[in-house]
C-alpha atoms as a PDB file:
ATOM      1  CA  MET A   1      15.669 -19.709  -2.938  1.00  0.00           C
ATOM      2  CA  ALA A   2      16.506 -15.903  -2.620  1.00  0.00           C
ATOM      3  CA  VAL A   3      16.133 -13.569   0.206  1.00  0.00           C
ATOM      4  CA  ILE A   4      14.459 -10.351  -0.354  1.00  0.00           C
ATOM      5  CA  ARG A   5      15.044  -7.540   2.156  1.00  0.00           C
ATOM      6  CA  ARG A   6      12.279  -4.850   2.809  1.00  0.00           C
ATOM      7  CA  THR A   7      12.579  -1.847   5.195  1.00  0.00           C
ATOM      8  CA  HIS A   8       9.428  -0.275   6.772  1.00  0.00           C
ATOM      9  CA  ARG A   9       8.586   2.291   9.210  1.00  0.00           C
ATOM     10  CA  LEU A  10       6.602   1.574  12.507  1.00  0.00           C
ATOM     11  CA  GLY A  11       2.845   1.857  11.760  1.00  0.00           C
ATOM     12  CA  ASP A  12       3.230   1.334   7.962  1.00  0.00           C
ATOM     13  CA  ARG A  13       0.392  -0.564   6.263  1.00  0.00           C
ATOM     14  CA  PRO A  14       1.687  -1.763   2.805  1.00  0.00           C
ATOM     15  CA  GLU A  15      -0.644  -2.529   0.079  1.00  0.00           C
ATOM     16  CA  PRO A  16      -1.725  -6.240  -0.626  1.00  0.00           C
ATOM     17  CA  VAL A  17       0.798  -8.325  -2.388  1.00  0.00           C
ATOM     18  CA  VAL A  18       0.175 -10.221  -5.522  1.00  0.00           C
ATOM     19  CA  TYR A  19       2.743 -12.911  -6.030  1.00  0.00           C
ATOM     20  CA  GLN A  20       3.106 -15.305  -8.917  1.00  0.00           C
ATOM     21  CA  PHE A  21       4.296 -18.862  -8.700  1.00  0.00           C
ATOM     22  CA  LEU A  22       6.462 -19.696 -11.347  1.00  0.00           C
ATOM     23  CA  ASP A  23       8.561 -23.031 -12.275  1.00  0.00           C
ATOM     24  CA  SER A  24      12.218 -23.146 -13.018  1.00  0.00           C
ATOM     25  CA  ALA A  25      11.498 -22.488 -16.745  1.00  0.00           C
ATOM     26  CA  GLY A  26       9.451 -19.214 -15.679  1.00  0.00           C
ATOM     27  CA  THR A  27       6.182 -20.948 -16.506  1.00  0.00           C
ATOM     28  CA  ALA A  28       3.323 -20.225 -14.241  1.00  0.00           C
ATOM     29  CA  ILE A  29       2.522 -23.094 -11.601  1.00  0.00           C
ATOM     30  CA  ASN A  30      -1.119 -24.260 -12.111  1.00  0.00           C
ATOM     31  CA  LEU A  31      -2.409 -23.806  -8.575  1.00  0.00           C
ATOM     32  CA  THR A  32      -5.829 -25.264  -9.029  1.00  0.00           C
ATOM     33  CA  GLY A  33      -6.781 -27.171  -5.887  1.00  0.00           C
ATOM     34  CA  TYR A  34      -3.929 -25.425  -3.681  1.00  0.00           C
ATOM     35  CA  SER A  35      -4.611 -23.699  -0.430  1.00  0.00           C
ATOM     36  CA  ALA A  36      -2.383 -20.603   0.430  1.00  0.00           C
ATOM     37  CA  THR A  37      -0.998 -19.809   3.949  1.00  0.00           C
ATOM     38  CA  THR A  38       1.477 -17.117   5.170  1.00  0.00           C
ATOM     39  CA  ARG A  39       4.108 -17.563   7.803  1.00  0.00           C
ATOM     40  CA  TRP A  40       6.422 -15.314   9.820  1.00  0.00           C
ATOM     41  CA  THR A  41       8.844 -15.763  12.429  1.00  0.00           C
ATOM     42  CA  GLY A  42      10.100 -12.837  14.637  1.00  0.00           C
ATOM     43  CA  PRO A  43      13.108 -12.504  16.913  1.00  0.00           C
ATOM     44  CA  ASP A  44      11.442 -14.551  19.676  1.00  0.00           C
ATOM     45  CA  GLY A  45      11.336 -17.633  17.259  1.00  0.00           C
ATOM     46  CA  GLU A  46       7.720 -18.094  17.430  1.00  0.00           C
ATOM     47  CA  LEU A  47       6.058 -19.213  14.338  1.00  0.00           C
ATOM     48  CA  HIS A  48       2.849 -17.293  13.293  1.00  0.00           C
ATOM     49  CA  THR A  49       0.509 -18.126  10.414  1.00  0.00           C
ATOM     50  CA  GLY A  50      -1.973 -15.954   8.528  1.00  0.00           C
ATOM     51  CA  SER A  51      -4.380 -16.210   5.443  1.00  0.00           C
ATOM     52  CA  ALA A  52      -3.531 -15.998   1.823  1.00  0.00           C
ATOM     53  CA  THR A  53      -5.647 -16.446  -1.180  1.00  0.00           C
ATOM     54  CA  VAL A  54      -4.971 -18.082  -4.643  1.00  0.00           C
ATOM     55  CA  VAL A  55      -6.719 -15.604  -6.836  1.00  0.00           C
ATOM     56  CA  THR A  56      -6.171 -16.830 -10.344  1.00  0.00           C
ATOM     57  CA  PRO A  57      -5.096 -20.549 -10.163  1.00  0.00           C
ATOM     58  CA  LEU A  58      -4.080 -21.178 -13.663  1.00  0.00           C
ATOM     59  CA  SER A  59      -1.874 -18.278 -13.582  1.00  0.00           C
ATOM     60  CA  GLY A  60      -0.297 -19.230 -10.434  1.00  0.00           C
ATOM     61  CA  LEU A  61      -1.365 -15.854  -8.630  1.00  0.00           C
ATOM     62  CA  VAL A  62      -1.583 -15.501  -5.042  1.00  0.00           C
ATOM     63  CA  THR A  63      -2.524 -12.466  -2.865  1.00  0.00           C
ATOM     64  CA  TRP A  64      -2.145 -11.441   0.822  1.00  0.00           C
ATOM     65  CA  THR A  65      -2.081  -8.609   3.069  1.00  0.00           C
ATOM     66  CA  TYR A  66       0.813  -8.363   5.653  1.00  0.00           C
ATOM     67  CA  PRO A  67      -0.872  -8.667   9.187  1.00  0.00           C
ATOM     68  CA  SER A  68      -0.860  -5.212  10.977  1.00  0.00           C
ATOM     69  CA  ALA A  69       0.749  -6.529  13.995  1.00  0.00           C
ATOM     70  CA  ILE A  70       3.904  -6.970  12.078  1.00  0.00           C
ATOM     71  CA  PHE A  71       4.291  -3.213  11.795  1.00  0.00           C
ATOM     72  CA  ASP A  72       3.486  -2.291  15.378  1.00  0.00           C
ATOM     73  CA  LYS A  73       6.916  -2.833  16.673  1.00  0.00           C
ATOM     74  CA  VAL A  74      10.488  -2.366  15.835  1.00  0.00           C
ATOM     75  CA  TRP A  75      12.066  -5.653  14.815  1.00  0.00           C
ATOM     76  CA  ALA A  76      13.073  -7.936  11.879  1.00  0.00           C
ATOM     77  CA  VAL A  77      10.628 -10.432  10.694  1.00  0.00           C
ATOM     78  CA  GLY A  78      11.017 -13.569   8.395  1.00  0.00           C
ATOM     79  CA  PHE A  79       7.950 -14.084   6.034  1.00  0.00           C
ATOM     80  CA  ASN A  80       6.928 -16.230   3.420  1.00  0.00           C
ATOM     81  CA  CYS A  81       3.902 -17.722   1.642  1.00  0.00           C
ATOM     82  CA  VAL A  82       3.419 -21.377   1.010  1.00  0.00           C
ATOM     83  CA  VAL A  83       0.806 -23.115  -1.270  1.00  0.00           C
ATOM     84  CA  THR A  84       0.028 -26.850  -1.075  1.00  0.00           C
ATOM     85  CA  ASN A  85      -2.471 -29.409  -2.551  1.00  0.00           C
ATOM     86  CA  GLY A  86      -1.395 -31.865   0.080  1.00  0.00           C
ATOM     87  CA  SER A  87       1.124 -33.470  -2.078  1.00  0.00           C
ATOM     88  CA  LEU A  88       3.034 -30.715  -3.544  1.00  0.00           C
ATOM     89  CA  THR A  89       4.268 -27.635  -1.767  1.00  0.00           C
ATOM     90  CA  TYR A  90       5.695 -24.306  -2.991  1.00  0.00           C
ATOM     91  CA  ALA A  91       7.021 -21.290  -1.035  1.00  0.00           C
ATOM     92  CA  THR A  92       8.015 -17.788  -2.006  1.00  0.00           C
ATOM     93  CA  ASP A  93      11.340 -16.449  -1.396  1.00  0.00           C
ATOM     94  CA  ASP A  94      12.079 -15.534   2.135  1.00  0.00           C
ATOM     95  CA  LEU A  95      11.208 -12.067   2.631  1.00  0.00           C
ATOM     96  CA  ILE A  96      13.109 -10.240   5.608  1.00  0.00           C
ATOM     97  CA  LEU A  97      10.832  -7.120   6.916  1.00  0.00           C
ATOM     98  CA  THR A  98      12.851  -4.844   8.973  1.00  0.00           C
ATOM     99  CA  ILE A  99      10.572  -2.513  10.816  1.00  0.00           C
ATOM    100  CA  ARG A 100      12.371   0.728  11.958  1.00  0.00           C
ATOM    101  CA  PRO A 101      11.162   3.630  14.077  1.00  0.00           C
ATOM    102  CA  GLY A 102       9.395   6.521  12.557  1.00  0.00           C
ATOM    103  CA  ALA A 103       5.913   7.528  11.612  1.00  0.00           C
ATOM    104  CA  GLY A 104       4.620   5.244   8.667  1.00  0.00           C
ATOM    105  CA  GLY A 105       1.657   5.909   6.321  1.00  0.00           C
END
């Protein structure tokens, strides 16, 4: 899995994310019957969870909105989205969101 780094400003409110789950051949994973959850860990090590939605199961599309609390302090946050059907689980690449001082928008 890759690590993707993004930098945001304090107070930013990024647009909702649409992510497509693909297999190793680049084919969309059929997510019919899957549920989705977001997870993030701040520097305190505490694991937080949030909601995500499988919007187009046959195309492997999931969407989520980053929780606004992530952008309310200066820190680095590890973030990903996980989908599961109870027996199979897939996760996005790890996202490292670095929140820096300065007005967002």
